[in-house]
């Protein structure tokens, strides 16, 4: 083992945080799909399925990054580690999409009054 590696659990905590984020976004996608059912009808199932698919991709990508970081920490690093930029961008985009859908739902409820 080289002297660069800190034997703490930072990489594991980061991986667990991304797993919690993916689970939270999946739950939010299901809730949003249920909330949008009266507005969009059966199309809300497609929105829910797309949100869950993105969350699964997020989970898998975070796990791959954890394994790459762990390998790099346990051996001599050979090049740059994968970036979290794509994960962060996907997470932000999914949150924005959920927020816009919730805004659309609220505005459609106000217009229906």
Protein backbone atom coordinates (compact mmCIF):
# COMPACT_ATOMS: atom_id res chain seq x y z
CA UNK A 1 0.00 0.00 0.00
CA UNK A 2 1.34 3.42 -0.89
CA UNK A 3 1.46 6.40 1.46
CA UNK A 4 -1.21 8.40 -0.40
CA UNK A 5 -4.19 6.27 0.66
CA UNK A 6 -6.15 7.34 3.73
CA UNK A 7 -7.71 4.22 5.25
CA UNK A 8 -10.90 6.09 6.14
CA UNK A 9 -14.23 5.36 4.54
CA UNK A 10 -14.58 8.52 2.46
CA UNK A 11 -15.14 6.69 -0.82
CA UNK A 12 -17.75 4.43 0.76
CA UNK A 13 -19.61 7.35 2.31
CA UNK A 14 -19.66 9.14 -1.03
CA UNK A 15 -20.99 6.03 -2.78
CA UNK A 16 -23.69 5.65 -0.13
CA UNK A 17 -24.64 9.31 -0.52
CA UNK A 18 -25.10 8.84 -4.27
CA UNK A 19 -27.18 5.71 -3.61
CA UNK A 20 -29.42 7.68 -1.23
CA UNK A 21 -29.73 10.42 -3.84
CA UNK A 22 -30.76 7.91 -6.51
CA UNK A 23 -33.30 6.30 -4.16
CA UNK A 24 -34.72 9.69 -3.22
CA UNK A 25 -35.04 10.71 -6.86
CA UNK A 26 -36.71 7.38 -7.68
CA UNK A 27 -39.21 7.91 -4.88
CA UNK A 28 -39.77 11.46 -6.10
CA UNK A 29 -40.34 10.20 -9.63
CA UNK A 30 -42.96 7.73 -8.40
CA UNK A 31 -44.65 10.42 -6.32
CA UNK A 32 -44.58 12.86 -9.20
CA UNK A 33 -46.06 10.25 -11.52
CA UNK A 34 -48.88 9.68 -9.05
CA UNK A 35 -49.41 13.42 -8.67
CA UNK A 36 -49.49 14.01 -12.43
CA UNK A 37 -51.87 11.13 -13.19
CA UNK A 38 -55.01 13.35 -13.15
CA UNK A 39 -53.33 15.93 -15.39
CA UNK A 40 -51.48 13.80 -17.96
CA UNK A 41 -53.42 10.55 -17.68
CA UNK A 42 -51.50 7.45 -18.66
CA UNK A 43 -48.63 9.59 -19.99
CA UNK A 44 -47.59 10.12 -16.39
CA UNK A 45 -46.48 6.46 -16.38
CA UNK A 46 -43.93 7.33 -19.07
CA UNK A 47 -42.65 10.22 -16.97
CA UNK A 48 -42.33 7.90 -13.97
CA UNK A 49 -40.58 5.22 -16.01
CA UNK A 50 -38.12 7.77 -17.45
CA UNK A 51 -37.35 9.11 -13.97
CA UNK A 52 -36.76 5.62 -12.58
CA UNK A 53 -34.58 4.68 -15.57
CA UNK A 54 -32.44 7.78 -14.99
CA UNK A 55 -32.18 6.93 -11.30
CA UNK A 56 -31.05 3.39 -12.11
CA UNK A 57 -28.44 4.80 -14.49
CA UNK A 58 -27.31 7.19 -11.77
CA UNK A 59 -26.98 4.31 -9.31
CA UNK A 60 -24.96 2.16 -11.74
CA UNK A 61 -22.70 5.05 -12.77
CA UNK A 62 -22.03 5.98 -9.13
CA UNK A 63 -21.13 2.37 -8.35
CA UNK A 64 -18.72 2.24 -11.29
CA UNK A 65 -17.08 5.45 -10.13
CA UNK A 66 -16.75 4.10 -6.59
CA UNK A 67 -15.00 0.99 -7.88
CA UNK A 68 -12.63 3.10 -10.01
CA UNK A 69 -11.79 5.35 -7.04
CA UNK A 70 -11.30 2.36 -4.74
CA UNK A 71 -9.00 0.68 -7.28
CA UNK A 72 -7.02 3.89 -7.64
CA UNK A 73 -6.66 4.24 -3.86
CA UNK A 74 -5.53 0.66 -3.38
CA UNK A 75 -3.00 0.73 -6.21
CA UNK A 76 -0.82 3.33 -7.80
CA UNK A 77 -3.07 5.76 -9.68
CA UNK A 78 -2.69 5.51 -13.44
CA UNK A 79 -4.28 8.60 -14.87
CA UNK A 80 -7.18 10.79 -13.90
CA UNK A 81 -10.17 9.46 -12.04
CA UNK A 82 -13.60 9.61 -13.67
CA UNK A 83 -15.40 12.89 -13.11
CA UNK A 84 -18.56 13.34 -11.09
CA UNK A 85 -19.66 16.10 -13.48
CA UNK A 86 -22.00 13.84 -15.45
CA UNK A 87 -23.58 12.50 -12.26
CA UNK A 88 -24.10 15.98 -10.86
CA UNK A 89 -25.51 17.23 -14.16
CA UNK A 90 -27.92 14.31 -14.38
CA UNK A 91 -29.04 14.79 -10.78
CA UNK A 92 -29.59 18.52 -11.29
CA UNK A 93 -31.45 17.91 -14.55
CA UNK A 94 -33.75 15.34 -12.97
CA UNK A 95 -34.49 17.69 -10.05
CA UNK A 96 -35.21 20.51 -12.51
CA UNK A 97 -37.52 18.26 -14.52
CA UNK A 98 -39.41 17.24 -11.38
CA UNK A 99 -39.69 20.87 -10.29
CA UNK A 100 -41.03 21.97 -13.67
CA UNK A 101 -43.55 19.14 -13.69
CA UNK A 102 -44.71 20.09 -10.19
CA UNK A 103 -45.00 23.73 -11.28
CA UNK A 104 -47.04 22.69 -14.30
CA UNK A 105 -49.27 20.62 -12.06
CA UNK A 106 -49.82 23.51 -9.65
CA UNK A 107 -50.56 25.96 -12.47
CA UNK A 108 -52.98 23.55 -14.12
CA UNK A 109 -54.83 23.17 -10.79
CA UNK A 110 -55.07 26.97 -10.47
CA UNK A 111 -56.33 27.32 -14.03
CA UNK A 112 -58.97 24.65 -13.45
CA UNK A 113 -60.57 26.70 -10.64
